Amino acid sequence: MQAATRQVRTAAQARHTRPVPDIREVRADAFPRVTDALRAVESLLLGGGQRTARRNAWTSVLEDRRRAKDRVEAQYVLEAVADRTSRAT
């Protein structure tokens, strides 16, 4: 009878105890991303209008880079086509 009671108690204790996490294990989710941290600092330092202006400027920079890349690719294609037609004649 005592053995059965002891088994029930140890089973109940096992259910209520949680494994101790290993200190060496660090989850990547535990730390905020750099982007999130920068946005938090930005929101503290800049007003709404300045923040919008900065984001619009950055969007323009990215769009200009995309257009420049497209121009380079188009130039490459035009040169390749020109080489083929000059060889054919």
PDB file of N, CA and C in Angstrom:
ATOM      1  N   MET A   1       0.820  -1.184   0.000  1.00  0.00           N
ATOM      2  CA  MET A   1       0.000   0.000   0.000  1.00  0.00           C
ATOM      3  C   MET A   1       0.863   1.246   0.000  1.00  0.00           C
ATOM      4  N   GLN A   2       1.914   1.244   0.805  1.00  0.00           N
ATOM      5  CA  GLN A   2       2.791   2.402   0.863  1.00  0.00           C
ATOM      6  C   GLN A   2       3.526   2.594  -0.478  1.00  0.00           C
ATOM      7  N   ALA A   3       3.887   1.497  -1.100  1.00  0.00           N
ATOM      8  CA  ALA A   3       4.578   1.571  -2.391  1.00  0.00           C
ATOM      9  C   ALA A   3       3.668   2.192  -3.445  1.00  0.00           C
ATOM     10  N   ALA A   4       2.395   1.847  -3.428  1.00  0.00           N
ATOM     11  CA  ALA A   4       1.445   2.405  -4.385  1.00  0.00           C
ATOM     12  C   ALA A   4       1.261   3.894  -4.143  1.00  0.00           C
ATOM     13  N   THR A   5       1.204   4.293  -2.862  1.00  0.00           N
ATOM     14  CA  THR A   5       1.063   5.704  -2.529  1.00  0.00           C
ATOM     15  C   THR A   5       2.294   6.483  -2.988  1.00  0.00           C
ATOM     16  N   ARG A   6       3.455   5.888  -2.785  1.00  0.00           N
ATOM     17  CA  ARG A   6       4.700   6.525  -3.195  1.00  0.00           C
ATOM     18  C   ARG A   6       4.741   6.707  -4.718  1.00  0.00           C
ATOM     19  N   GLN A   7       4.260   5.737  -5.458  1.00  0.00           N
ATOM     20  CA  GLN A   7       4.255   5.821  -6.923  1.00  0.00           C
ATOM     21  C   GLN A   7       3.318   6.926  -7.398  1.00  0.00           C
ATOM     22  N   VAL A   8       2.166   7.050  -6.734  1.00  0.00           N
ATOM     23  CA  VAL A   8       1.219   8.090  -7.109  1.00  0.00           C
ATOM     24  C   VAL A   8       1.821   9.464  -6.842  1.00  0.00           C
ATOM     25  N   ARG A   9       2.494   9.617  -5.698  1.00  0.00           N
ATOM     26  CA  ARG A   9       3.110  10.909  -5.365  1.00  0.00           C
ATOM     27  C   ARG A   9       4.208  11.267  -6.362  1.00  0.00           C
ATOM     28  N   THR A  10       5.060  10.329  -6.713  1.00  0.00           N
ATOM     29  CA  THR A  10       6.152  10.623  -7.644  1.00  0.00           C
ATOM     30  C   THR A  10       5.593  10.922  -9.040  1.00  0.00           C
ATOM     31  N   ALA A  11       4.523  10.263  -9.412  1.00  0.00           N
ATOM     32  CA  ALA A  11       3.909  10.547 -10.706  1.00  0.00           C
ATOM     33  C   ALA A  11       3.302  11.948 -10.713  1.00  0.00           C
ATOM     34  N   ALA A  12       2.672  12.323  -9.614  1.00  0.00           N
ATOM     35  CA  ALA A  12       2.077  13.654  -9.515  1.00  0.00           C
ATOM     36  C   ALA A  12       3.175  14.716  -9.516  1.00  0.00           C
ATOM     37  N   GLN A  13       4.264  14.466  -8.832  1.00  0.00           N
ATOM     38  CA  GLN A  13       5.375  15.415  -8.804  1.00  0.00           C
ATOM     39  C   GLN A  13       6.008  15.541 -10.189  1.00  0.00           C
ATOM     40  N   ALA A  14       6.104  14.450 -10.898  1.00  0.00           N
ATOM     41  CA  ALA A  14       6.699  14.471 -12.229  1.00  0.00           C
ATOM     42  C   ALA A  14       5.853  15.312 -13.189  1.00  0.00           C
ATOM     43  N   ARG A  15       4.546  15.276 -13.022  1.00  0.00           N
ATOM     44  CA  ARG A  15       3.674  16.061 -13.882  1.00  0.00           C
ATOM     45  C   ARG A  15       3.801  17.550 -13.608  1.00  0.00           C
ATOM     46  N   HIS A  16       4.063  17.943 -12.382  1.00  0.00           N
ATOM     47  CA  HIS A  16       4.108  19.353 -12.006  1.00  0.00           C
ATOM     48  C   HIS A  16       5.495  19.968 -12.134  1.00  0.00           C
ATOM     49  N   THR A  17       6.482  19.182 -12.299  1.00  0.00           N
ATOM     50  CA  THR A  17       7.823  19.739 -12.451  1.00  0.00           C
ATOM     51  C   THR A  17       8.125  19.934 -13.924  1.00  0.00           C
ATOM     52  N   ARG A  18       8.831  20.994 -14.203  1.00  0.00           N
ATOM     53  CA  ARG A  18       9.227  21.286 -15.573  1.00  0.00           C
ATOM     54  C   ARG A  18      10.717  21.056 -15.707  1.00  0.00           C
ATOM     55  N   PRO A  19      11.153  20.614 -16.863  1.00  0.00           N
ATOM     56  CA  PRO A  19      12.588  20.416 -17.031  1.00  0.00           C
ATOM     57  C   PRO A  19      13.313  21.760 -16.970  1.00  0.00           C
ATOM     58  N   VAL A  20      14.474  21.758 -16.385  1.00  0.00           N
ATOM     59  CA  VAL A  20      15.271  22.968 -16.269  1.00  0.00           C
ATOM     60  C   VAL A  20      15.925  23.232 -17.621  1.00  0.00           C
ATOM     61  N   PRO A  21      15.708  24.415 -18.193  1.00  0.00           N
ATOM     62  CA  PRO A  21      16.301  24.685 -19.502  1.00  0.00           C
ATOM     63  C   PRO A  21      17.815  24.796 -19.388  1.00  0.00           C
ATOM     64  N   ASP A  22      18.477  24.360 -20.421  1.00  0.00           N
ATOM     65  CA  ASP A  22      19.929  24.447 -20.468  1.00  0.00           C
ATOM     66  C   ASP A  22      20.300  25.893 -20.753  1.00  0.00           C
ATOM     67  N   ILE A  23      21.168  26.452 -19.972  1.00  0.00           N
ATOM     68  CA  ILE A  23      21.546  27.856 -20.114  1.00  0.00           C
ATOM     69  C   ILE A  23      22.250  28.089 -21.446  1.00  0.00           C
ATOM     70  N   ARG A  24      22.925  27.087 -21.945  1.00  0.00           N
ATOM     71  CA  ARG A  24      23.654  27.242 -23.201  1.00  0.00           C
ATOM     72  C   ARG A  24      22.720  27.334 -24.399  1.00  0.00           C
ATOM     73  N   GLU A  25      21.492  26.888 -24.262  1.00  0.00           N
ATOM     74  CA  GLU A  25      20.536  26.959 -25.360  1.00  0.00           C
ATOM     75  C   GLU A  25      19.905  28.339 -25.389  1.00  0.00           C
ATOM     76  N   VAL A  26      20.075  29.038 -26.483  1.00  0.00           N
ATOM     77  CA  VAL A  26      19.474  30.351 -26.647  1.00  0.00           C
ATOM     78  C   VAL A  26      18.632  30.302 -27.904  1.00  0.00           C
ATOM     79  N   ARG A  27      17.395  30.648 -27.748  1.00  0.00           N
ATOM     80  CA  ARG A  27      16.503  30.633 -28.904  1.00  0.00           C
ATOM     81  C   ARG A  27      16.683  31.930 -29.673  1.00  0.00           C
ATOM     82  N   ALA A  28      16.684  31.836 -30.984  1.00  0.00           N
ATOM     83  CA  ALA A  28      16.833  33.020 -31.819  1.00  0.00           C
ATOM     84  C   ALA A  28      15.647  33.954 -31.654  1.00  0.00           C
ATOM     85  N   ASP A  29      14.489  33.419 -31.310  1.00  0.00           N
ATOM     86  CA  ASP A  29      13.298  34.234 -31.152  1.00  0.00           C
ATOM     87  C   ASP A  29      13.359  35.098 -29.898  1.00  0.00           C
ATOM     88  N   ALA A  30      14.243  34.746 -28.979  1.00  0.00           N
ATOM     89  CA  ALA A  30      14.287  35.457 -27.716  1.00  0.00           C
ATOM     90  C   ALA A  30      14.804  36.876 -27.891  1.00  0.00           C
ATOM     91  N   PHE A  31      15.609  37.125 -28.927  1.00  0.00           N
ATOM     92  CA  PHE A  31      16.172  38.442 -29.152  1.00  0.00           C
ATOM     93  C   PHE A  31      15.436  39.144 -30.282  1.00  0.00           C
ATOM     94  N   PRO A  32      15.129  40.414 -30.099  1.00  0.00           N
ATOM     95  CA  PRO A  32      14.451  41.127 -31.192  1.00  0.00           C
ATOM     96  C   PRO A  32      15.398  41.306 -32.369  1.00  0.00           C
ATOM     97  N   ARG A  33      14.816  41.388 -33.537  1.00  0.00           N
ATOM     98  CA  ARG A  33      15.631  41.596 -34.724  1.00  0.00           C
ATOM     99  C   ARG A  33      16.192  43.007 -34.704  1.00  0.00           C
ATOM    100  N   VAL A  34      17.277  43.197 -35.398  1.00  0.00           N
ATOM    101  CA  VAL A  34      17.917  44.511 -35.462  1.00  0.00           C
ATOM    102  C   VAL A  34      16.954  45.524 -36.071  1.00  0.00           C
ATOM    103  N   THR A  35      16.226  45.101 -37.082  1.00  0.00           N
ATOM    104  CA  THR A  35      15.271  46.008 -37.726  1.00  0.00           C
ATOM    105  C   THR A  35      14.225  46.491 -36.730  1.00  0.00           C
ATOM    106  N   ASP A  36      13.717  45.584 -35.914  1.00  0.00           N
ATOM    107  CA  ASP A  36      12.709  45.968 -34.921  1.00  0.00           C
ATOM    108  C   ASP A  36      13.288  46.951 -33.906  1.00  0.00           C
ATOM    109  N   ALA A  37      14.525  46.701 -33.507  1.00  0.00           N
ATOM    110  CA  ALA A  37      15.160  47.603 -32.542  1.00  0.00           C
ATOM    111  C   ALA A  37      15.373  48.983 -33.141  1.00  0.00           C
ATOM    112  N   LEU A  38      15.806  49.029 -34.400  1.00  0.00           N
ATOM    113  CA  LEU A  38      16.011  50.321 -35.050  1.00  0.00           C
ATOM    114  C   LEU A  38      14.699  51.077 -35.220  1.00  0.00           C
ATOM    115  N   ARG A  39      13.644  50.367 -35.546  1.00  0.00           N
ATOM    116  CA  ARG A  39      12.345  51.032 -35.690  1.00  0.00           C
ATOM    117  C   ARG A  39      11.852  51.575 -34.351  1.00  0.00           C
ATOM    118  N   ALA A  40      12.135  50.859 -33.279  1.00  0.00           N
ATOM    119  CA  ALA A  40      11.731  51.342 -31.953  1.00  0.00           C
ATOM    120  C   ALA A  40      12.481  52.622 -31.601  1.00  0.00           C
ATOM    121  N   VAL A  41      13.784  52.643 -31.877  1.00  0.00           N
ATOM    122  CA  VAL A  41      14.575  53.846 -31.609  1.00  0.00           C
ATOM    123  C   VAL A  41      14.103  54.987 -32.504  1.00  0.00           C
ATOM    124  N   GLU A  42      13.831  54.669 -33.756  1.00  0.00           N
ATOM    125  CA  GLU A  42      13.351  55.674 -34.699  1.00  0.00           C
ATOM    126  C   GLU A  42      12.047  56.300 -34.217  1.00  0.00           C
ATOM    127  N   SER A  43      11.150  55.480 -33.740  1.00  0.00           N
ATOM    128  CA  SER A  43       9.855  56.008 -33.291  1.00  0.00           C
ATOM    129  C   SER A  43      10.016  56.905 -32.067  1.00  0.00           C
ATOM    130  N   LEU A  44      11.040  56.638 -31.252  1.00  0.00           N
ATOM    131  CA  LEU A  44      11.273  57.493 -30.089  1.00  0.00           C
ATOM    132  C   LEU A  44      11.911  58.826 -30.480  1.00  0.00           C
ATOM    133  N   LEU A  45      12.827  58.788 -31.455  1.00  0.00           N
ATOM    134  CA  LEU A  45      13.586  59.982 -31.793  1.00  0.00           C
ATOM    135  C   LEU A  45      12.920  60.867 -32.836  1.00  0.00           C
ATOM    136  N   LEU A  46      12.231  60.286 -33.777  1.00  0.00           N
ATOM    137  CA  LEU A  46      11.669  61.054 -34.879  1.00  0.00           C
ATOM    138  C   LEU A  46      10.165  61.220 -34.721  1.00  0.00           C
ATOM    139  N   GLY A  47       9.687  62.324 -35.223  1.00  0.00           N
ATOM    140  CA  GLY A  47       8.246  62.535 -35.266  1.00  0.00           C
ATOM    141  C   GLY A  47       7.652  61.754 -36.429  1.00  0.00           C
ATOM    142  N   GLY A  48       6.339  61.696 -36.481  1.00  0.00           N
ATOM    143  CA  GLY A  48       5.663  60.928 -37.527  1.00  0.00           C
ATOM    144  C   GLY A  48       5.997  61.402 -38.927  1.00  0.00           C
ATOM    145  N   GLY A  49       6.050  62.725 -39.143  1.00  0.00           N
ATOM    146  CA  GLY A  49       6.340  63.264 -40.461  1.00  0.00           C
ATOM    147  C   GLY A  49       7.750  62.953 -40.919  1.00  0.00           C
ATOM    148  N   GLN A  50       8.706  63.079 -40.019  1.00  0.00           N
ATOM    149  CA  GLN A  50      10.097  62.781 -40.365  1.00  0.00           C
ATOM    150  C   GLN A  50      10.268  61.300 -40.698  1.00  0.00           C
ATOM    151  N   ARG A  51       9.595  60.472 -39.939  1.00  0.00           N
ATOM    152  CA  ARG A  51       9.687  59.033 -40.166  1.00  0.00           C
ATOM    153  C   ARG A  51       9.136  58.678 -41.545  1.00  0.00           C
ATOM    154  N   THR A  52       8.001  59.276 -41.892  1.00  0.00           N
ATOM    155  CA  THR A  52       7.395  59.013 -43.198  1.00  0.00           C
ATOM    156  C   THR A  52       8.300  59.512 -44.315  1.00  0.00           C
ATOM    157  N   ALA A  53       8.892  60.680 -44.140  1.00  0.00           N
ATOM    158  CA  ALA A  53       9.787  61.236 -45.155  1.00  0.00           C
ATOM    159  C   ALA A  53      11.005  60.336 -45.340  1.00  0.00           C
ATOM    160  N   ARG A  54      11.563  59.826 -44.256  1.00  0.00           N
ATOM    161  CA  ARG A  54      12.729  58.951 -44.357  1.00  0.00           C
ATOM    162  C   ARG A  54      12.377  57.653 -45.068  1.00  0.00           C
ATOM    163  N   ARG A  55      11.227  57.100 -44.749  1.00  0.00           N
ATOM    164  CA  ARG A  55      10.817  55.857 -45.405  1.00  0.00           C
ATOM    165  C   ARG A  55      10.534  56.088 -46.889  1.00  0.00           C
ATOM    166  N   ASN A  56       9.929  57.211 -47.214  1.00  0.00           N
ATOM    167  CA  ASN A  56       9.690  57.527 -48.623  1.00  0.00           C
ATOM    168  C   ASN A  56      11.004  57.700 -49.370  1.00  0.00           C
ATOM    169  N   ALA A  57      11.969  58.343 -48.736  1.00  0.00           N
ATOM    170  CA  ALA A  57      13.275  58.527 -49.374  1.00  0.00           C
ATOM    171  C   ALA A  57      13.949  57.178 -49.608  1.00  0.00           C
ATOM    172  N   TRP A  58      13.870  56.299 -48.631  1.00  0.00           N
ATOM    173  CA  TRP A  58      14.496  54.980 -48.779  1.00  0.00           C
ATOM    174  C   TRP A  58      13.797  54.173 -49.873  1.00  0.00           C
ATOM    175  N   THR A  59      12.485  54.288 -49.954  1.00  0.00           N
ATOM    176  CA  THR A  59      11.744  53.609 -51.017  1.00  0.00           C
ATOM    177  C   THR A  59      12.186  54.126 -52.384  1.00  0.00           C
ATOM    178  N   SER A  60      12.430  55.428 -52.481  1.00  0.00           N
ATOM    179  CA  SER A  60      12.910  56.004 -53.743  1.00  0.00           C
ATOM    180  C   SER A  60      14.289  55.488 -54.102  1.00  0.00           C
ATOM    181  N   VAL A  61      15.150  55.355 -53.117  1.00  0.00           N
ATOM    182  CA  VAL A  61      16.498  54.815 -53.357  1.00  0.00           C
ATOM    183  C   VAL A  61      16.396  53.391 -53.891  1.00  0.00           C
ATOM    184  N   LEU A  62      15.564  52.574 -53.268  1.00  0.00           N
ATOM    185  CA  LEU A  62      15.414  51.194 -53.715  1.00  0.00           C
ATOM    186  C   LEU A  62      14.844  51.124 -55.128  1.00  0.00           C
ATOM    187  N   GLU A  63      13.898  51.994 -55.430  1.00  0.00           N
ATOM    188  CA  GLU A  63      13.309  52.025 -56.769  1.00  0.00           C
ATOM    189  C   GLU A  63      14.345  52.460 -57.805  1.00  0.00           C
ATOM    190  N   ASP A  64      15.178  53.450 -57.467  1.00  0.00           N
ATOM    191  CA  ASP A  64      16.243  53.883 -58.380  1.00  0.00           C
ATOM    192  C   ASP A  64      17.229  52.756 -58.640  1.00  0.00           C
ATOM    193  N   ARG A  65      17.560  52.005 -57.609  1.00  0.00           N
ATOM    194  CA  ARG A  65      18.471  50.864 -57.782  1.00  0.00           C
ATOM    195  C   ARG A  65      17.867  49.807 -58.700  1.00  0.00           C
ATOM    196  N   ARG A  66      16.563  49.569 -58.546  1.00  0.00           N
ATOM    197  CA  ARG A  66      15.898  48.585 -59.401  1.00  0.00           C
ATOM    198  C   ARG A  66      15.911  49.039 -60.851  1.00  0.00           C
ATOM    199  N   ARG A  67      15.623  50.338 -61.059  1.00  0.00           N
ATOM    200  CA  ARG A  67      15.639  50.867 -62.429  1.00  0.00           C
ATOM    201  C   ARG A  67      17.030  50.785 -63.043  1.00  0.00           C
ATOM    202  N   ALA A  68      18.067  51.080 -62.266  1.00  0.00           N
ATOM    203  CA  ALA A  68      19.436  51.008 -62.772  1.00  0.00           C
ATOM    204  C   ALA A  68      19.784  49.574 -63.159  1.00  0.00           C
ATOM    205  N   LYS A  69      19.361  48.623 -62.352  1.00  0.00           N
ATOM    206  CA  LYS A  69      19.612  47.213 -62.667  1.00  0.00           C
ATOM    207  C   LYS A  69      18.891  46.825 -63.958  1.00  0.00           C
ATOM    208  N   ASP A  70      17.650  47.276 -64.114  1.00  0.00           N
ATOM    209  CA  ASP A  70      16.894  46.992 -65.336  1.00  0.00           C
ATOM    210  C   ASP A  70      17.565  47.615 -66.559  1.00  0.00           C
ATOM    211  N   ARG A  71      18.108  48.849 -66.400  1.00  0.00           N
ATOM    212  CA  ARG A  71      18.802  49.499 -67.505  1.00  0.00           C
ATOM    213  C   ARG A  71      20.033  48.710 -67.932  1.00  0.00           C
ATOM    214  N   VAL A  72      20.803  48.228 -66.965  1.00  0.00           N
ATOM    215  CA  VAL A  72      21.999  47.443 -67.273  1.00  0.00           C
ATOM    216  C   VAL A  72      21.610  46.162 -67.998  1.00  0.00           C
ATOM    217  N   GLU A  73      20.573  45.494 -67.529  1.00  0.00           N
ATOM    218  CA  GLU A  73      20.132  44.259 -68.193  1.00  0.00           C
ATOM    219  C   GLU A  73      19.629  44.532 -69.609  1.00  0.00           C
ATOM    220  N   ALA A  74      18.904  45.632 -69.797  1.00  0.00           N
ATOM    221  CA  ALA A  74      18.408  45.975 -71.130  1.00  0.00           C
ATOM    222  C   ALA A  74      19.566  46.305 -72.063  1.00  0.00           C
ATOM    223  N   GLN A  75      20.559  47.021 -71.551  1.00  0.00           N
ATOM    224  CA  GLN A  75      21.733  47.354 -72.363  1.00  0.00           C
ATOM    225  C   GLN A  75      22.461  46.082 -72.787  1.00  0.00           C
ATOM    226  N   TYR A  76      22.583  45.135 -71.886  1.00  0.00           N
ATOM    227  CA  TYR A  76      23.241  43.864 -72.191  1.00  0.00           C
ATOM    228  C   TYR A  76      22.487  43.119 -73.296  1.00  0.00           C
ATOM    229  N   VAL A  77      21.167  43.093 -73.209  1.00  0.00           N
ATOM    230  CA  VAL A  77      20.357  42.403 -74.218  1.00  0.00           C
ATOM    231  C   VAL A  77      20.482  43.105 -75.566  1.00  0.00           C
ATOM    232  N   LEU A  78      20.427  44.442 -75.580  1.00  0.00           N
ATOM    233  CA  LEU A  78      20.540  45.188 -76.832  1.00  0.00           C
ATOM    234  C   LEU A  78      21.906  44.961 -77.494  1.00  0.00           C
ATOM    235  N   GLU A  79      22.965  44.926 -76.685  1.00  0.00           N
ATOM    236  CA  GLU A  79      24.299  44.672 -77.244  1.00  0.00           C
ATOM    237  C   GLU A  79      24.395  43.261 -77.801  1.00  0.00           C
ATOM    238  N   ALA A  80      23.791  42.300 -77.121  1.00  0.00           N
ATOM    239  CA  ALA A  80      23.822  40.914 -77.607  1.00  0.00           C
ATOM    240  C   ALA A  80      23.065  40.790 -78.925  1.00  0.00           C
ATOM    241  N   VAL A  81      21.933  41.458 -79.040  1.00  0.00           N
ATOM    242  CA  VAL A  81      21.149  41.415 -80.278  1.00  0.00           C
ATOM    243  C   VAL A  81      21.911  42.125 -81.398  1.00  0.00           C
ATOM    244  N   ALA A  82      22.528  43.239 -81.095  1.00  0.00           N
ATOM    245  CA  ALA A  82      23.294  43.985 -82.104  1.00  0.00           C
ATOM    246  C   ALA A  82      24.458  43.156 -82.629  1.00  0.00           C
ATOM    247  N   ASP A  83      25.125  42.417 -81.744  1.00  0.00           N
ATOM    248  CA  ASP A  83      26.235  41.551 -82.176  1.00  0.00           C
ATOM    249  C   ASP A  83      25.739  40.460 -83.117  1.00  0.00           C
ATOM    250  N   ARG A  84      24.607  39.901 -82.840  1.00  0.00           N
ATOM    251  CA  ARG A  84      24.067  38.824 -83.691  1.00  0.00           C
ATOM    252  C   ARG A  84      23.702  39.350 -85.074  1.00  0.00           C
ATOM    253  N   THR A  85      23.049  40.518 -85.108  1.00  0.00           N
ATOM    254  CA  THR A  85      22.633  41.058 -86.413  1.00  0.00           C
ATOM    255  C   THR A  85      23.822  41.508 -87.235  1.00  0.00           C
ATOM    256  N   SER A  86      24.876  42.036 -86.599  1.00  0.00           N
ATOM    257  CA  SER A  86      26.052  42.474 -87.362  1.00  0.00           C
ATOM    258  C   SER A  86      26.810  41.269 -87.920  1.00  0.00           C
ATOM    259  N   ARG A  87      26.802  40.159 -87.229  1.00  0.00           N
ATOM    260  CA  ARG A  87      27.455  38.945 -87.719  1.00  0.00           C
ATOM    261  C   ARG A  87      26.665  38.310 -88.854  1.00  0.00           C
ATOM    262  N   ALA A  88      25.357  38.470 -88.807  1.00  0.00           N
ATOM    263  CA  ALA A  88      24.495  37.847 -89.819  1.00  0.00           C
ATOM    264  C   ALA A  88      24.599  38.566 -91.160  1.00  0.00           C
ATOM    265  N   THR A  89      24.958  39.834 -91.151  1.00  0.00           N
ATOM    266  CA  THR A  89      25.009  40.570 -92.429  1.00  0.00           C
ATOM    267  C   THR A  89      26.377  40.565 -93.049  1.00  0.00           C
TER     268      THR A  89
END
